[in-house]
PDB file of N, CA and C in Angstrom:
ATOM      1  N   UNK A   1     -33.105 -19.788  26.141  1.00  0.00           N
ATOM      2  CA  UNK A   1     -32.382 -19.535  24.921  1.00  0.00           C
ATOM      3  C   UNK A   1     -32.458 -20.797  24.059  1.00  0.00           C
ATOM      4  N   UNK A   2     -32.615 -20.594  22.768  1.00  0.00           N
ATOM      5  CA  UNK A   2     -32.678 -21.711  21.847  1.00  0.00           C
ATOM      6  C   UNK A   2     -31.653 -21.494  20.747  1.00  0.00           C
ATOM      7  N   UNK A   3     -30.960 -22.541  20.394  1.00  0.00           N
ATOM      8  CA  UNK A   3     -30.020 -22.482  19.281  1.00  0.00           C
ATOM      9  C   UNK A   3     -30.161 -23.758  18.474  1.00  0.00           C
ATOM     10  N   UNK A   4     -30.501 -23.587  17.213  1.00  0.00           N
ATOM     11  CA  UNK A   4     -30.594 -24.747  16.338  1.00  0.00           C
ATOM     12  C   UNK A   4     -29.192 -25.212  15.992  1.00  0.00           C
ATOM     13  N   UNK A   5     -28.962 -26.500  16.089  1.00  0.00           N
ATOM     14  CA  UNK A   5     -27.689 -27.092  15.692  1.00  0.00           C
ATOM     15  C   UNK A   5     -27.964 -28.422  15.017  1.00  0.00           C
ATOM     16  N   UNK A   6     -27.343 -28.654  13.893  1.00  0.00           N
ATOM     17  CA  UNK A   6     -27.488 -29.969  13.277  1.00  0.00           C
ATOM     18  C   UNK A   6     -26.759 -31.003  14.139  1.00  0.00           C
ATOM     19  N   UNK A   7     -27.133 -32.225  14.001  1.00  0.00           N
ATOM     20  CA  UNK A   7     -26.446 -33.286  14.738  1.00  0.00           C
ATOM     21  C   UNK A   7     -25.187 -33.646  13.964  1.00  0.00           C
ATOM     22  N   UNK A   8     -24.067 -33.334  14.579  1.00  0.00           N
ATOM     23  CA  UNK A   8     -22.775 -33.649  13.983  1.00  0.00           C
ATOM     24  C   UNK A   8     -21.760 -33.814  15.119  1.00  0.00           C
ATOM     25  N   UNK A   9     -20.526 -33.996  14.772  1.00  0.00           N
ATOM     26  CA  UNK A   9     -19.512 -34.245  15.811  1.00  0.00           C
ATOM     27  C   UNK A   9     -19.354 -33.045  16.745  1.00  0.00           C
ATOM     28  N   UNK A  10     -19.516 -31.828  16.204  1.00  0.00           N
ATOM     29  CA  UNK A  10     -19.380 -30.636  17.043  1.00  0.00           C
ATOM     30  C   UNK A  10     -20.514 -30.539  18.062  1.00  0.00           C
ATOM     31  N   UNK A  11     -21.746 -30.749  17.604  1.00  0.00           N
ATOM     32  CA  UNK A  11     -22.877 -30.639  18.538  1.00  0.00           C
ATOM     33  C   UNK A  11     -22.838 -31.756  19.579  1.00  0.00           C
ATOM     34  N   UNK A  12     -22.429 -32.953  19.180  1.00  0.00           N
ATOM     35  CA  UNK A  12     -22.315 -34.047  20.145  1.00  0.00           C
ATOM     36  C   UNK A  12     -21.211 -33.778  21.174  1.00  0.00           C
ATOM     37  N   UNK A  13     -20.117 -33.219  20.718  1.00  0.00           N
ATOM     38  CA  UNK A  13     -19.037 -32.884  21.638  1.00  0.00           C
ATOM     39  C   UNK A  13     -19.492 -31.795  22.618  1.00  0.00           C
ATOM     40  N   UNK A  14     -20.247 -30.808  22.121  1.00  0.00           N
ATOM     41  CA  UNK A  14     -20.761 -29.760  23.002  1.00  0.00           C
ATOM     42  C   UNK A  14     -21.689 -30.343  24.059  1.00  0.00           C
ATOM     43  N   UNK A  15     -22.533 -31.284  23.675  1.00  0.00           N
ATOM     44  CA  UNK A  15     -23.415 -31.937  24.644  1.00  0.00           C
ATOM     45  C   UNK A  15     -22.611 -32.739  25.665  1.00  0.00           C
ATOM     46  N   UNK A  16     -21.652 -33.469  25.170  1.00  0.00           N
ATOM     47  CA  UNK A  16     -20.835 -34.307  26.041  1.00  0.00           C
ATOM     48  C   UNK A  16     -20.063 -33.458  27.060  1.00  0.00           C
ATOM     49  N   UNK A  17     -19.546 -32.317  26.622  1.00  0.00           N
ATOM     50  CA  UNK A  17     -18.748 -31.464  27.504  1.00  0.00           C
ATOM     51  C   UNK A  17     -19.591 -30.406  28.217  1.00  0.00           C
ATOM     52  N   UNK A  18     -20.901 -30.457  27.970  1.00  0.00           N
ATOM     53  CA  UNK A  18     -21.808 -29.514  28.623  1.00  0.00           C
ATOM     54  C   UNK A  18     -21.392 -28.064  28.349  1.00  0.00           C
ATOM     55  N   UNK A  19     -21.179 -27.760  27.066  1.00  0.00           N
ATOM     56  CA  UNK A  19     -20.726 -26.432  26.678  1.00  0.00           C
ATOM     57  C   UNK A  19     -21.563 -25.908  25.517  1.00  0.00           C
ATOM     58  N   UNK A  20     -21.425 -24.619  25.247  1.00  0.00           N
ATOM     59  CA  UNK A  20     -22.138 -23.963  24.157  1.00  0.00           C
ATOM     60  C   UNK A  20     -21.107 -23.295  23.267  1.00  0.00           C
ATOM     61  N   UNK A  21     -21.328 -23.384  21.966  1.00  0.00           N
ATOM     62  CA  UNK A  21     -20.452 -22.715  21.012  1.00  0.00           C
ATOM     63  C   UNK A  21     -21.070 -21.372  20.638  1.00  0.00           C
ATOM     64  N   UNK A  22     -20.273 -20.310  20.727  1.00  0.00           N
ATOM     65  CA  UNK A  22     -20.689 -18.994  20.268  1.00  0.00           C
ATOM     66  C   UNK A  22     -19.775 -18.584  19.128  1.00  0.00           C
ATOM     67  N   UNK A  23     -20.370 -18.322  17.987  1.00  0.00           N
ATOM     68  CA  UNK A  23     -19.605 -17.918  16.818  1.00  0.00           C
ATOM     69  C   UNK A  23     -19.160 -16.468  16.962  1.00  0.00           C
ATOM     70  N   UNK A  24     -18.099 -16.133  16.277  1.00  0.00           N
ATOM     71  CA  UNK A  24     -17.627 -14.760  16.227  1.00  0.00           C
ATOM     72  C   UNK A  24     -18.647 -13.921  15.464  1.00  0.00           C
ATOM     73  N   UNK A  25     -19.043 -12.748  15.974  1.00  0.00           N
ATOM     74  CA  UNK A  25     -20.027 -11.918  15.275  1.00  0.00           C
ATOM     75  C   UNK A  25     -19.635 -11.540  13.858  1.00  0.00           C
ATOM     76  N   UNK A  26     -18.349 -11.568  13.547  1.00  0.00           N
ATOM     77  CA  UNK A  26     -17.908 -11.281  12.181  1.00  0.00           C
ATOM     78  C   UNK A  26     -18.504 -12.295  11.208  1.00  0.00           C
ATOM     79  N   UNK A  27     -18.778 -13.505  11.681  1.00  0.00           N
ATOM     80  CA  UNK A  27     -19.311 -14.565  10.826  1.00  0.00           C
ATOM     81  C   UNK A  27     -20.834 -14.565  10.722  1.00  0.00           C
ATOM     82  N   UNK A  28     -21.507 -13.657  11.428  1.00  0.00           N
ATOM     83  CA  UNK A  28     -22.961 -13.613  11.366  1.00  0.00           C
ATOM     84  C   UNK A  28     -23.407 -13.156   9.980  1.00  0.00           C
ATOM     85  N   UNK A  29     -24.562 -13.647   9.546  1.00  0.00           N
ATOM     86  CA  UNK A  29     -25.055 -13.250   8.236  1.00  0.00           C
ATOM     87  C   UNK A  29     -25.871 -11.962   8.279  1.00  0.00           C
ATOM     88  N   UNK A  30     -26.212 -11.473   9.463  1.00  0.00           N
ATOM     89  CA  UNK A  30     -26.948 -10.227   9.611  1.00  0.00           C
ATOM     90  C   UNK A  30     -26.076  -9.251  10.393  1.00  0.00           C
ATOM     91  N   UNK A  31     -25.601  -8.189   9.738  1.00  0.00           N
ATOM     92  CA  UNK A  31     -24.676  -7.282  10.420  1.00  0.00           C
ATOM     93  C   UNK A  31     -25.300  -6.566  11.619  1.00  0.00           C
ATOM     94  N   UNK A  32     -26.646  -6.575  11.724  1.00  0.00           N
ATOM     95  CA  UNK A  32     -27.298  -5.893  12.831  1.00  0.00           C
ATOM     96  C   UNK A  32     -27.579  -6.825  14.003  1.00  0.00           C
ATOM     97  N   UNK A  33     -27.162  -8.094  13.899  1.00  0.00           N
ATOM     98  CA  UNK A  33     -27.340  -9.023  15.017  1.00  0.00           C
ATOM     99  C   UNK A  33     -26.622  -8.534  16.268  1.00  0.00           C
ATOM    100  N   UNK A  34     -25.491  -7.922  16.081  1.00  0.00           N
ATOM    101  CA  UNK A  34     -24.728  -7.461  17.231  1.00  0.00           C
ATOM    102  C   UNK A  34     -24.533  -5.959  17.205  1.00  0.00           C
ATOM    103  N   UNK A  35     -25.332  -5.264  16.422  1.00  0.00           N
ATOM    104  CA  UNK A  35     -25.186  -3.815  16.318  1.00  0.00           C
ATOM    105  C   UNK A  35     -25.778  -3.141  17.548  1.00  0.00           C
ATOM    106  N   UNK A  36     -24.943  -2.428  18.236  1.00  0.00           N
ATOM    107  CA  UNK A  36     -25.396  -1.650  19.384  1.00  0.00           C
ATOM    108  C   UNK A  36     -24.848  -0.242  19.212  1.00  0.00           C
ATOM    109  N   UNK A  37     -25.735   0.718  19.001  1.00  0.00           N
ATOM    110  CA  UNK A  37     -25.223   2.081  18.826  1.00  0.00           C
ATOM    111  C   UNK A  37     -24.479   2.540  20.065  1.00  0.00           C
ATOM    112  N   UNK A  38     -23.401   3.220  19.848  1.00  0.00           N
ATOM    113  CA  UNK A  38     -22.596   3.721  20.961  1.00  0.00           C
ATOM    114  C   UNK A  38     -22.276   5.179  20.708  1.00  0.00           C
ATOM    115  N   UNK A  39     -22.279   5.913  21.746  1.00  0.00           N
ATOM    116  CA  UNK A  39     -21.933   7.319  21.639  1.00  0.00           C
ATOM    117  C   UNK A  39     -20.586   7.516  22.312  1.00  0.00           C
ATOM    118  N   UNK A  40     -19.623   7.936  21.517  1.00  0.00           N
ATOM    119  CA  UNK A  40     -18.292   8.170  22.063  1.00  0.00           C
ATOM    120  C   UNK A  40     -18.093   9.665  22.229  1.00  0.00           C
ATOM    121  N   UNK A  41     -17.684  10.029  23.387  1.00  0.00           N
ATOM    122  CA  UNK A  41     -17.341  11.422  23.644  1.00  0.00           C
ATOM    123  C   UNK A  41     -15.833  11.515  23.613  1.00  0.00           C
ATOM    124  N   UNK A  42     -15.364  12.678  23.357  1.00  0.00           N
ATOM    125  CA  UNK A  42     -13.920  12.872  23.313  1.00  0.00           C
ATOM    126  C   UNK A  42     -13.319  12.520  24.670  1.00  0.00           C
ATOM    127  N   UNK A  43     -12.247  11.738  24.616  1.00  0.00           N
ATOM    128  CA  UNK A  43     -11.564  11.404  25.864  1.00  0.00           C
ATOM    129  C   UNK A  43     -10.198  12.069  25.850  1.00  0.00           C
ATOM    130  N   UNK A  44      -9.662  12.271  27.004  1.00  0.00           N
ATOM    131  CA  UNK A  44      -8.352  12.912  27.112  1.00  0.00           C
ATOM    132  C   UNK A  44      -7.266  11.978  26.596  1.00  0.00           C
ATOM    133  N   UNK A  45      -6.164  12.563  26.211  1.00  0.00           N
ATOM    134  CA  UNK A  45      -5.013  11.762  25.784  1.00  0.00           C
ATOM    135  C   UNK A  45      -4.555  10.851  26.910  1.00  0.00           C
ATOM    136  N   UNK A  46      -4.609  11.348  28.125  1.00  0.00           N
ATOM    137  CA  UNK A  46      -4.177  10.561  29.274  1.00  0.00           C
ATOM    138  C   UNK A  46      -5.022   9.305  29.445  1.00  0.00           C
ATOM    139  N   UNK A  47      -6.341   9.477  29.325  1.00  0.00           N
ATOM    140  CA  UNK A  47      -7.239   8.329  29.473  1.00  0.00           C
ATOM    141  C   UNK A  47      -7.066   7.348  28.316  1.00  0.00           C
ATOM    142  N   UNK A  48      -6.909   7.866  27.105  1.00  0.00           N
ATOM    143  CA  UNK A  48      -6.685   7.003  25.947  1.00  0.00           C
ATOM    144  C   UNK A  48      -5.424   6.165  26.137  1.00  0.00           C
ATOM    145  N   UNK A  49      -4.343   6.805  26.545  1.00  0.00           N
ATOM    146  CA  UNK A  49      -3.072   6.097  26.752  1.00  0.00           C
ATOM    147  C   UNK A  49      -3.218   5.059  27.853  1.00  0.00           C
ATOM    148  N   UNK A  50      -3.928   5.394  28.898  1.00  0.00           N
ATOM    149  CA  UNK A  50      -4.134   4.456  30.001  1.00  0.00           C
ATOM    150  C   UNK A  50      -4.858   3.198  29.516  1.00  0.00           C
ATOM    151  N   UNK A  51      -5.963   3.387  28.759  1.00  0.00           N
ATOM    152  CA  UNK A  51      -6.706   2.231  28.242  1.00  0.00           C
ATOM    153  C   UNK A  51      -5.895   1.464  27.211  1.00  0.00           C
ATOM    154  N   UNK A  52      -5.229   2.188  26.320  1.00  0.00           N
ATOM    155  CA  UNK A  52      -4.437   1.524  25.290  1.00  0.00           C
ATOM    156  C   UNK A  52      -3.344   0.674  25.924  1.00  0.00           C
ATOM    157  N   UNK A  53      -2.671   1.219  26.901  1.00  0.00           N
ATOM    158  CA  UNK A  53      -1.602   0.477  27.573  1.00  0.00           C
ATOM    159  C   UNK A  53      -2.136  -0.734  28.317  1.00  0.00           C
ATOM    160  N   UNK A  54      -3.294  -0.582  28.912  1.00  0.00           N
ATOM    161  CA  UNK A  54      -3.875  -1.676  29.683  1.00  0.00           C
ATOM    162  C   UNK A  54      -4.262  -2.851  28.781  1.00  0.00           C
ATOM    163  N   UNK A  55      -4.800  -2.559  27.596  1.00  0.00           N
ATOM    164  CA  UNK A  55      -5.334  -3.631  26.757  1.00  0.00           C
ATOM    165  C   UNK A  55      -4.427  -4.033  25.604  1.00  0.00           C
ATOM    166  N   UNK A  56      -3.320  -3.380  25.461  1.00  0.00           N
ATOM    167  CA  UNK A  56      -2.381  -3.729  24.407  1.00  0.00           C
ATOM    168  C   UNK A  56      -1.607  -4.981  24.808  1.00  0.00           C
ATOM    169  N   UNK A  57      -1.290  -5.798  23.844  1.00  0.00           N
ATOM    170  CA  UNK A  57      -0.495  -6.997  24.117  1.00  0.00           C
ATOM    171  C   UNK A  57       0.950  -6.628  24.437  1.00  0.00           C
ATOM    172  N   UNK A  58       1.354  -5.496  23.956  1.00  0.00           N
ATOM    173  CA  UNK A  58       2.726  -5.046  24.154  1.00  0.00           C
ATOM    174  C   UNK A  58       2.768  -4.012  25.268  1.00  0.00           C
ATOM    175  N   UNK A  59       3.817  -4.007  26.020  1.00  0.00           N
ATOM    176  CA  UNK A  59       3.966  -3.048  27.112  1.00  0.00           C
ATOM    177  C   UNK A  59       4.675  -1.793  26.608  1.00  0.00           C
ATOM    178  N   UNK A  60       4.028  -0.663  26.816  1.00  0.00           N
ATOM    179  CA  UNK A  60       4.578   0.623  26.408  1.00  0.00           C
ATOM    180  C   UNK A  60       4.766   1.508  27.630  1.00  0.00           C
ATOM    181  N   UNK A  61       5.711   2.419  27.517  1.00  0.00           N
ATOM    182  CA  UNK A  61       5.873   3.455  28.532  1.00  0.00           C
ATOM    183  C   UNK A  61       4.767   4.484  28.278  1.00  0.00           C
ATOM    184  N   UNK A  62       3.855   4.616  29.222  1.00  0.00           N
ATOM    185  CA  UNK A  62       2.711   5.510  29.038  1.00  0.00           C
ATOM    186  C   UNK A  62       3.147   6.958  28.836  1.00  0.00           C
ATOM    187  N   UNK A  63       4.213   7.379  29.490  1.00  0.00           N
ATOM    188  CA  UNK A  63       4.682   8.760  29.333  1.00  0.00           C
ATOM    189  C   UNK A  63       5.152   9.029  27.906  1.00  0.00           C
ATOM    190  N   UNK A  64       5.810   8.043  27.302  1.00  0.00           N
ATOM    191  CA  UNK A  64       6.273   8.205  25.925  1.00  0.00           C
ATOM    192  C   UNK A  64       5.082   8.259  24.975  1.00  0.00           C
ATOM    193  N   UNK A  65       4.099   7.390  25.174  1.00  0.00           N
ATOM    194  CA  UNK A  65       2.910   7.429  24.330  1.00  0.00           C
ATOM    195  C   UNK A  65       2.202   8.778  24.444  1.00  0.00           C
ATOM    196  N   UNK A  66       2.115   9.288  25.639  1.00  0.00           N
ATOM    197  CA  UNK A  66       1.471  10.580  25.859  1.00  0.00           C
ATOM    198  C   UNK A  66       2.260  11.697  25.170  1.00  0.00           C
ATOM    199  N   UNK A  67       3.560  11.645  25.242  1.00  0.00           N
ATOM    200  CA  UNK A  67       4.388  12.645  24.559  1.00  0.00           C
ATOM    201  C   UNK A  67       4.210  12.577  23.046  1.00  0.00           C
ATOM    202  N   UNK A  68       4.052  11.362  22.505  1.00  0.00           N
ATOM    203  CA  UNK A  68       3.820  11.219  21.061  1.00  0.00           C
ATOM    204  C   UNK A  68       2.483  11.850  20.692  1.00  0.00           C
ATOM    205  N   UNK A  69       1.444  11.562  21.448  1.00  0.00           N
ATOM    206  CA  UNK A  69       0.129  12.135  21.163  1.00  0.00           C
ATOM    207  C   UNK A  69       0.124  13.653  21.278  1.00  0.00           C
ATOM    208  N   UNK A  70       0.854  14.167  22.224  1.00  0.00           N
ATOM    209  CA  UNK A  70       0.895  15.612  22.439  1.00  0.00           C
ATOM    210  C   UNK A  70       1.943  16.303  21.559  1.00  0.00           C
ATOM    211  N   UNK A  71       2.655  15.505  20.777  1.00  0.00           N
ATOM    212  CA  UNK A  71       3.715  16.000  19.898  1.00  0.00           C
ATOM    213  C   UNK A  71       4.766  16.784  20.672  1.00  0.00           C
ATOM    214  N   UNK A  72       5.054  16.294  21.866  1.00  0.00           N
ATOM    215  CA  UNK A  72       6.060  16.950  22.696  1.00  0.00           C
ATOM    216  C   UNK A  72       7.293  16.075  22.916  1.00  0.00           C
ATOM    217  N   UNK A  73       7.356  14.961  22.212  1.00  0.00           N
ATOM    218  CA  UNK A  73       8.469  14.031  22.376  1.00  0.00           C
ATOM    219  C   UNK A  73       9.683  14.548  21.600  1.00  0.00           C
ATOM    220  N   UNK A  74      10.853  14.299  22.135  1.00  0.00           N
ATOM    221  CA  UNK A  74      12.067  14.683  21.409  1.00  0.00           C
ATOM    222  C   UNK A  74      12.269  13.733  20.226  1.00  0.00           C
ATOM    223  N   UNK A  75      12.992  14.215  19.263  1.00  0.00           N
ATOM    224  CA  UNK A  75      13.255  13.394  18.077  1.00  0.00           C
ATOM    225  C   UNK A  75      13.993  12.119  18.468  1.00  0.00           C
ATOM    226  N   UNK A  76      14.970  12.218  19.343  1.00  0.00           N
ATOM    227  CA  UNK A  76      15.747  11.055  19.768  1.00  0.00           C
ATOM    228  C   UNK A  76      14.867  10.042  20.484  1.00  0.00           C
ATOM    229  N   UNK A  77      13.987  10.514  21.373  1.00  0.00           N
ATOM    230  CA  UNK A  77      13.092   9.600  22.086  1.00  0.00           C
ATOM    231  C   UNK A  77      12.103   8.937  21.134  1.00  0.00           C
ATOM    232  N   UNK A  78      11.650   9.686  20.140  1.00  0.00           N
ATOM    233  CA  UNK A  78      10.736   9.112  19.159  1.00  0.00           C
ATOM    234  C   UNK A  78      11.431   8.036  18.336  1.00  0.00           C
ATOM    235  N   UNK A  79      12.646   8.292  17.930  1.00  0.00           N
ATOM    236  CA  UNK A  79      13.415   7.293  17.174  1.00  0.00           C
ATOM    237  C   UNK A  79      13.658   6.054  18.035  1.00  0.00           C
ATOM    238  N   UNK A  80      13.959   6.249  19.301  1.00  0.00           N
ATOM    239  CA  UNK A  80      14.144   5.108  20.210  1.00  0.00           C
ATOM    240  C   UNK A  80      12.848   4.307  20.355  1.00  0.00           C
ATOM    241  N   UNK A  81      11.737   5.011  20.493  1.00  0.00           N
ATOM    242  CA  UNK A  81      10.441   4.331  20.571  1.00  0.00           C
ATOM    243  C   UNK A  81      10.198   3.508  19.306  1.00  0.00           C
ATOM    244  N   UNK A  82      10.416   4.117  18.145  1.00  0.00           N
ATOM    245  CA  UNK A  82      10.214   3.409  16.871  1.00  0.00           C
ATOM    246  C   UNK A  82      11.149   2.217  16.748  1.00  0.00           C
ATOM    247  N   UNK A  83      12.368   2.383  17.173  1.00  0.00           N
ATOM    248  CA  UNK A  83      13.329   1.281  17.119  1.00  0.00           C
ATOM    249  C   UNK A  83      12.842   0.092  17.950  1.00  0.00           C
ATOM    250  N   UNK A  84      12.241   0.389  19.103  1.00  0.00           N
ATOM    251  CA  UNK A  84      11.779  -0.674  19.997  1.00  0.00           C
ATOM    252  C   UNK A  84      10.437  -1.266  19.597  1.00  0.00           C
ATOM    253  N   UNK A  85       9.559  -0.461  18.993  1.00  0.00           N
ATOM    254  CA  UNK A  85       8.168  -0.891  18.849  1.00  0.00           C
ATOM    255  C   UNK A  85       7.563  -0.811  17.449  1.00  0.00           C
ATOM    256  N   UNK A  86       8.243  -0.246  16.486  1.00  0.00           N
ATOM    257  CA  UNK A  86       7.580   0.036  15.202  1.00  0.00           C
ATOM    258  C   UNK A  86       7.087  -1.233  14.501  1.00  0.00           C
ATOM    259  N   UNK A  87       7.733  -2.346  14.719  1.00  0.00           N
ATOM    260  CA  UNK A  87       7.298  -3.593  14.077  1.00  0.00           C
ATOM    261  C   UNK A  87       5.951  -4.068  14.622  1.00  0.00           C
ATOM    262  N   UNK A  88       5.547  -3.544  15.764  1.00  0.00           N
ATOM    263  CA  UNK A  88       4.228  -3.854  16.305  1.00  0.00           C
ATOM    264  C   UNK A  88       3.140  -3.144  15.494  1.00  0.00           C
ATOM    265  N   UNK A  89       3.477  -2.001  14.915  1.00  0.00           N
ATOM    266  CA  UNK A  89       2.515  -1.197  14.173  1.00  0.00           C
ATOM    267  C   UNK A  89       2.593  -1.396  12.662  1.00  0.00           C
ATOM    268  N   UNK A  90       3.763  -1.679  12.169  1.00  0.00           N
ATOM    269  CA  UNK A  90       3.968  -1.829  10.718  1.00  0.00           C
ATOM    270  C   UNK A  90       4.549  -3.205  10.440  1.00  0.00           C
ATOM    271  N   UNK A  91       3.935  -3.915   9.507  1.00  0.00           N
ATOM    272  CA  UNK A  91       4.433  -5.230   9.101  1.00  0.00           C
ATOM    273  C   UNK A  91       5.396  -5.037   7.933  1.00  0.00           C
ATOM    274  N   UNK A  92       6.676  -5.074   8.221  1.00  0.00           N
ATOM    275  CA  UNK A  92       7.677  -4.861   7.180  1.00  0.00           C
ATOM    276  C   UNK A  92       7.858  -6.082   6.292  1.00  0.00           C
ATOM    277  N   UNK A  93       7.278  -7.203   6.653  1.00  0.00           N
ATOM    278  CA  UNK A  93       7.415  -8.414   5.855  1.00  0.00           C
ATOM    279  C   UNK A  93       6.474  -8.433   4.655  1.00  0.00           C
ATOM    280  N   UNK A  94       5.475  -7.583   4.674  1.00  0.00           N
ATOM    281  CA  UNK A  94       4.524  -7.545   3.566  1.00  0.00           C
ATOM    282  C   UNK A  94       5.082  -6.689   2.437  1.00  0.00           C
ATOM    283  N   UNK A  95       4.667  -6.994   1.217  1.00  0.00           N
ATOM    284  CA  UNK A  95       5.108  -6.250   0.045  1.00  0.00           C
ATOM    285  C   UNK A  95       4.569  -4.822   0.112  1.00  0.00           C
ATOM    286  N   UNK A  96       5.443  -3.842  -0.030  1.00  0.00           N
ATOM    287  CA  UNK A  96       5.051  -2.438   0.047  1.00  0.00           C
ATOM    288  C   UNK A  96       5.563  -1.698  -1.183  1.00  0.00           C
ATOM    289  N   UNK A  97       4.754  -0.768  -1.666  1.00  0.00           N
ATOM    290  CA  UNK A  97       5.199   0.085  -2.764  1.00  0.00           C
ATOM    291  C   UNK A  97       6.071   1.222  -2.249  1.00  0.00           C
ATOM    292  N   UNK A  98       5.756   1.696  -1.054  1.00  0.00           N
ATOM    293  CA  UNK A  98       6.482   2.808  -0.473  1.00  0.00           C
ATOM    294  C   UNK A  98       7.841   2.328   0.027  1.00  0.00           C
ATOM    295  N   UNK A  99       8.888   2.904  -0.501  1.00  0.00           N
ATOM    296  CA  UNK A  99      10.252   2.494  -0.158  1.00  0.00           C
ATOM    297  C   UNK A  99      10.534   2.645   1.337  1.00  0.00           C
ATOM    298  N   UNK A 100       9.960   3.656   1.962  1.00  0.00           N
ATOM    299  CA  UNK A 100      10.190   3.903   3.390  1.00  0.00           C
ATOM    300  C   UNK A 100       9.685   2.741   4.233  1.00  0.00           C
ATOM    301  N   UNK A 101       8.610   2.105   3.789  1.00  0.00           N
ATOM    302  CA  UNK A 101       7.988   1.044   4.574  1.00  0.00           C
ATOM    303  C   UNK A 101       8.469  -0.357   4.208  1.00  0.00           C
ATOM    304  N   UNK A 102       9.455  -0.467   3.373  1.00  0.00           N
ATOM    305  CA  UNK A 102       9.933  -1.798   2.962  1.00  0.00           C
ATOM    306  C   UNK A 102      10.780  -2.484   4.020  1.00  0.00           C
ATOM    307  N   UNK A 103      11.380  -1.704   4.894  1.00  0.00           N
ATOM    308  CA  UNK A 103      12.177  -2.317   5.968  1.00  0.00           C
ATOM    309  C   UNK A 103      12.220  -1.382   7.166  1.00  0.00           C
ATOM    310  N   UNK A 104      12.508  -1.958   8.293  1.00  0.00           N
ATOM    311  CA  UNK A 104      12.621  -1.167   9.518  1.00  0.00           C
ATOM    312  C   UNK A 104      13.763  -0.163   9.392  1.00  0.00           C
ATOM    313  N   UNK A 105      14.880  -0.579   8.813  1.00  0.00           N
ATOM    314  CA  UNK A 105      16.029   0.327   8.688  1.00  0.00           C
ATOM    315  C   UNK A 105      15.700   1.505   7.768  1.00  0.00           C
ATOM    316  N   UNK A 106      14.958   1.258   6.678  1.00  0.00           N
ATOM    317  CA  UNK A 106      14.538   2.361   5.811  1.00  0.00           C
ATOM    318  C   UNK A 106      13.664   3.349   6.578  1.00  0.00           C
ATOM    319  N   UNK A 107      12.745   2.800   7.353  1.00  0.00           N
ATOM    320  CA  UNK A 107      11.829   3.634   8.115  1.00  0.00           C
ATOM    321  C   UNK A 107      12.587   4.483   9.135  1.00  0.00           C
ATOM    322  N   UNK A 108      13.468   3.863   9.910  1.00  0.00           N
ATOM    323  CA  UNK A 108      14.226   4.591  10.927  1.00  0.00           C
ATOM    324  C   UNK A 108      15.164   5.620  10.305  1.00  0.00           C
ATOM    325  N   UNK A 109      15.746   5.268   9.188  1.00  0.00           N
ATOM    326  CA  UNK A 109      16.623   6.208   8.492  1.00  0.00           C
ATOM    327  C   UNK A 109      15.834   7.425   8.012  1.00  0.00           C
ATOM    328  N   UNK A 110      14.660   7.178   7.472  1.00  0.00           N
ATOM    329  CA  UNK A 110      13.818   8.282   7.007  1.00  0.00           C
ATOM    330  C   UNK A 110      13.442   9.205   8.167  1.00  0.00           C
ATOM    331  N   UNK A 111      13.028   8.633   9.265  1.00  0.00           N
ATOM    332  CA  UNK A 111      12.653   9.444  10.429  1.00  0.00           C
ATOM    333  C   UNK A 111      13.850  10.233  10.938  1.00  0.00           C
ATOM    334  N   UNK A 112      14.976   9.604  10.998  1.00  0.00           N
ATOM    335  CA  UNK A 112      16.180  10.262  11.504  1.00  0.00           C
ATOM    336  C   UNK A 112      16.594  11.430  10.619  1.00  0.00           C
ATOM    337  N   UNK A 113      16.437  11.289   9.305  1.00  0.00           N
ATOM    338  CA  UNK A 113      16.911  12.301   8.371  1.00  0.00           C
ATOM    339  C   UNK A 113      15.878  13.354   7.987  1.00  0.00           C
ATOM    340  N   UNK A 114      14.587  13.028   8.134  1.00  0.00           N
ATOM    341  CA  UNK A 114      13.572  13.920   7.576  1.00  0.00           C
ATOM    342  C   UNK A 114      12.499  14.409   8.522  1.00  0.00           C
ATOM    343  N   UNK A 115      12.345  13.811   9.633  1.00  0.00           N
ATOM    344  CA  UNK A 115      11.194  14.168  10.464  1.00  0.00           C
ATOM    345  C   UNK A 115      11.475  15.373  11.328  1.00  0.00           C
ATOM    346  N   UNK A 116      10.426  16.124  11.521  1.00  0.00           N
ATOM    347  CA  UNK A 116      10.454  17.247  12.444  1.00  0.00           C
ATOM    348  C   UNK A 116       9.557  16.872  13.607  1.00  0.00           C
ATOM    349  N   UNK A 117      10.104  16.231  14.612  1.00  0.00           N
ATOM    350  CA  UNK A 117       9.313  15.776  15.751  1.00  0.00           C
ATOM    351  C   UNK A 117       9.328  16.854  16.814  1.00  0.00           C
TER     352      UNK A 117
END
């Protein structure tokens, strides 16, 4: 393998520490450098929840996630889930035009009063 590197403090440090720097593919100038076609087949909700739970930074109850996907969760359980986790999915600190998304309390109030779960 060959990698051109200019002589600078980074390349000298890499030599000294006997390491290699790999850039994030997002920074590549050719979008096809890391393009690998993939064929995705439909996966079950159970398998999706299993993988999502395994690789998510946050710990979720897999049964609740499955109930949400299957639309079989009770309204109360859904509100409890949102109360515990909605800030992981929605950034309420960012400026929003939609009044429902301006705060967690607005969001929970809307779900409590208007949703048919």
